[in-house]
């Protein structure tokens, strides 16, 4: 297996895992304080980073196969 596929897969797992860790806190904060809360804005940034990571890495992994 190609090393770029291994490291790309690890990167995707870390990104999705990070989103899974922060998501409950973001949802709780959203219910309590609304969309302007810094924690909610941080969660939006994490979600955007995960989406960008997936859009960059996933096509690269698919092209290697």
N, C-alpha and C. Protein backbone atom coordinates (compact mmCIF):
# COMPACT_ATOMS: atom_id res chain seq x y z
N UNK A 1 0.85 -1.18 0.00
CA UNK A 1 0.00 0.00 0.00
C UNK A 1 0.90 1.24 0.00
N UNK A 2 0.50 2.22 -0.77
CA UNK A 2 1.26 3.45 -0.92
C UNK A 2 1.23 4.26 0.38
N UNK A 3 2.37 4.85 0.71
CA UNK A 3 2.46 5.62 1.95
C UNK A 3 1.52 6.83 1.96
N UNK A 4 1.30 7.44 0.81
CA UNK A 4 0.40 8.60 0.77
C UNK A 4 -1.03 8.20 1.11
N UNK A 5 -1.41 6.98 0.74
CA UNK A 5 -2.75 6.50 1.08
C UNK A 5 -2.85 6.27 2.59
N UNK A 6 -1.81 5.70 3.17
CA UNK A 6 -1.80 5.46 4.62
C UNK A 6 -1.88 6.77 5.38
N UNK A 7 -1.00 7.72 5.05
CA UNK A 7 -0.99 8.99 5.77
C UNK A 7 -2.24 9.82 5.48
N UNK A 8 -2.74 9.73 4.26
CA UNK A 8 -3.99 10.43 3.95
C UNK A 8 -5.15 9.86 4.75
N UNK A 9 -5.20 8.54 4.87
CA UNK A 9 -6.24 7.90 5.67
C UNK A 9 -6.15 8.28 7.14
N UNK A 10 -4.93 8.33 7.65
CA UNK A 10 -4.73 8.75 9.04
C UNK A 10 -5.19 10.19 9.23
N UNK A 11 -4.86 11.05 8.28
CA UNK A 11 -5.29 12.45 8.35
C UNK A 11 -6.80 12.59 8.34
N UNK A 12 -7.45 11.81 7.49
CA UNK A 12 -8.92 11.84 7.45
C UNK A 12 -9.52 11.36 8.76
N UNK A 13 -8.98 10.28 9.30
CA UNK A 13 -9.49 9.76 10.58
C UNK A 13 -9.31 10.77 11.71
N UNK A 14 -8.16 11.43 11.75
CA UNK A 14 -7.94 12.45 12.78
C UNK A 14 -8.89 13.63 12.62
N UNK A 15 -9.12 14.06 11.40
CA UNK A 15 -10.02 15.20 11.16
C UNK A 15 -11.45 14.85 11.56
N UNK A 16 -11.91 13.69 11.14
CA UNK A 16 -13.28 13.29 11.48
C UNK A 16 -13.42 13.01 12.97
N UNK A 17 -12.38 12.43 13.57
CA UNK A 17 -12.39 12.21 15.01
C UNK A 17 -12.44 13.51 15.79
N UNK A 18 -11.70 14.51 15.35
CA UNK A 18 -11.75 15.82 16.00
C UNK A 18 -13.12 16.45 15.91
N UNK A 19 -13.75 16.29 14.78
CA UNK A 19 -15.11 16.81 14.62
C UNK A 19 -16.07 16.08 15.55
N UNK A 20 -15.89 14.78 15.68
CA UNK A 20 -16.74 14.00 16.58
C UNK A 20 -16.56 14.38 18.04
N UNK A 21 -15.36 14.78 18.40
CA UNK A 21 -15.10 15.18 19.78
C UNK A 21 -15.72 16.54 20.09
N UNK A 22 -15.61 17.48 19.17
CA UNK A 22 -16.08 18.84 19.44
C UNK A 22 -17.58 19.01 19.21
N UNK A 23 -18.20 18.14 18.39
CA UNK A 23 -19.61 18.31 18.01
C UNK A 23 -20.58 18.38 19.19
N UNK A 24 -20.50 17.49 20.19
CA UNK A 24 -21.46 17.59 21.30
C UNK A 24 -21.35 18.91 22.08
N UNK A 25 -20.13 19.38 22.26
CA UNK A 25 -19.94 20.65 22.98
C UNK A 25 -20.50 21.82 22.17
N UNK A 26 -20.31 21.79 20.87
CA UNK A 26 -20.83 22.85 20.01
C UNK A 26 -22.35 22.87 20.04
N UNK A 27 -22.95 21.69 19.95
CA UNK A 27 -24.42 21.63 19.97
C UNK A 27 -24.98 22.11 21.31
N UNK A 28 -24.32 21.75 22.40
CA UNK A 28 -24.75 22.20 23.72
C UNK A 28 -24.64 23.72 23.83
N UNK A 29 -23.53 24.24 23.39
CA UNK A 29 -23.32 25.70 23.44
C UNK A 29 -24.29 26.43 22.53
N UNK A 30 -24.61 25.85 21.40
CA UNK A 30 -25.57 26.44 20.47
C UNK A 30 -26.95 26.54 21.11
N UNK A 31 -27.34 25.52 21.85
CA UNK A 31 -28.64 25.54 22.52
C UNK A 31 -28.69 26.57 23.63
N UNK A 32 -27.57 26.73 24.34
CA UNK A 32 -27.55 27.65 25.48
C UNK A 32 -27.38 29.12 25.08
N UNK A 33 -26.43 29.39 24.19
CA UNK A 33 -26.03 30.77 23.93
C UNK A 33 -26.24 31.24 22.50
N UNK A 34 -26.62 30.38 21.60
CA UNK A 34 -26.87 30.80 20.23
C UNK A 34 -25.65 30.74 19.34
N UNK A 35 -25.83 31.21 18.12
CA UNK A 35 -24.81 31.07 17.09
C UNK A 35 -23.61 32.00 17.27
N UNK A 36 -23.73 33.03 18.10
CA UNK A 36 -22.63 33.97 18.27
C UNK A 36 -21.60 33.56 19.29
N UNK A 37 -21.81 32.43 19.93
CA UNK A 37 -20.88 31.96 20.96
C UNK A 37 -19.53 31.59 20.33
N UNK A 38 -18.43 31.91 21.01
CA UNK A 38 -17.10 31.56 20.47
C UNK A 38 -16.92 30.05 20.26
N UNK A 39 -17.50 29.24 21.13
CA UNK A 39 -17.37 27.79 20.96
C UNK A 39 -18.08 27.33 19.70
N UNK A 40 -19.24 27.92 19.40
CA UNK A 40 -19.97 27.57 18.18
C UNK A 40 -19.17 28.01 16.96
N UNK A 41 -18.60 29.19 17.00
CA UNK A 41 -17.78 29.65 15.88
C UNK A 41 -16.55 28.77 15.69
N UNK A 42 -15.97 28.33 16.79
CA UNK A 42 -14.84 27.39 16.72
C UNK A 42 -15.29 26.09 16.07
N UNK A 43 -16.46 25.60 16.44
CA UNK A 43 -17.00 24.38 15.85
C UNK A 43 -17.23 24.51 14.36
N UNK A 44 -17.69 25.67 13.93
CA UNK A 44 -17.88 25.92 12.50
C UNK A 44 -16.53 25.89 11.79
N UNK A 45 -15.52 26.46 12.43
CA UNK A 45 -14.17 26.43 11.85
C UNK A 45 -13.63 25.01 11.75
N UNK A 46 -13.87 24.20 12.77
CA UNK A 46 -13.44 22.80 12.74
C UNK A 46 -14.15 22.05 11.62
N UNK A 47 -15.45 22.28 11.48
CA UNK A 47 -16.22 21.61 10.42
C UNK A 47 -15.71 22.03 9.04
N UNK A 48 -15.39 23.30 8.88
CA UNK A 48 -14.86 23.78 7.60
C UNK A 48 -13.49 23.16 7.32
N UNK A 49 -12.67 23.03 8.34
CA UNK A 49 -11.35 22.41 8.17
C UNK A 49 -11.48 20.94 7.79
N UNK A 50 -12.43 20.25 8.39
CA UNK A 50 -12.65 18.84 8.06
C UNK A 50 -13.14 18.72 6.61
N UNK A 51 -14.07 19.57 6.22
CA UNK A 51 -14.57 19.53 4.84
C UNK A 51 -13.45 19.79 3.84
N UNK A 52 -12.61 20.76 4.13
CA UNK A 52 -11.49 21.06 3.24
C UNK A 52 -10.50 19.90 3.20
N UNK A 53 -10.24 19.30 4.34
CA UNK A 53 -9.34 18.15 4.40
C UNK A 53 -9.87 17.00 3.56
N UNK A 54 -11.15 16.72 3.70
CA UNK A 54 -11.76 15.63 2.92
C UNK A 54 -11.70 15.95 1.43
N UNK A 55 -12.00 17.19 1.06
CA UNK A 55 -11.99 17.57 -0.36
C UNK A 55 -10.59 17.51 -0.98
N UNK A 56 -9.57 17.68 -0.17
CA UNK A 56 -8.20 17.63 -0.68
C UNK A 56 -7.66 16.20 -0.69
N UNK A 57 -7.87 15.48 0.39
CA UNK A 57 -7.22 14.17 0.55
C UNK A 57 -7.98 13.05 -0.15
N UNK A 58 -9.30 13.04 -0.08
CA UNK A 58 -10.07 11.93 -0.63
C UNK A 58 -9.86 11.74 -2.14
N UNK A 59 -9.88 12.79 -2.94
CA UNK A 59 -9.60 12.57 -4.38
C UNK A 59 -8.19 12.04 -4.64
N UNK A 60 -7.24 12.47 -3.82
CA UNK A 60 -5.88 11.99 -3.96
C UNK A 60 -5.79 10.49 -3.66
N UNK A 61 -6.48 10.06 -2.63
CA UNK A 61 -6.49 8.64 -2.28
C UNK A 61 -7.19 7.84 -3.39
N UNK A 62 -8.29 8.36 -3.89
CA UNK A 62 -9.03 7.66 -4.94
C UNK A 62 -8.20 7.56 -6.22
N UNK A 63 -7.41 8.57 -6.52
CA UNK A 63 -6.58 8.55 -7.72
C UNK A 63 -5.45 7.54 -7.63
N UNK A 64 -4.97 7.28 -6.41
CA UNK A 64 -3.89 6.33 -6.21
C UNK A 64 -4.34 4.88 -6.37
N UNK A 65 -5.61 4.64 -6.29
CA UNK A 65 -6.10 3.25 -6.36
C UNK A 65 -6.37 2.87 -7.73
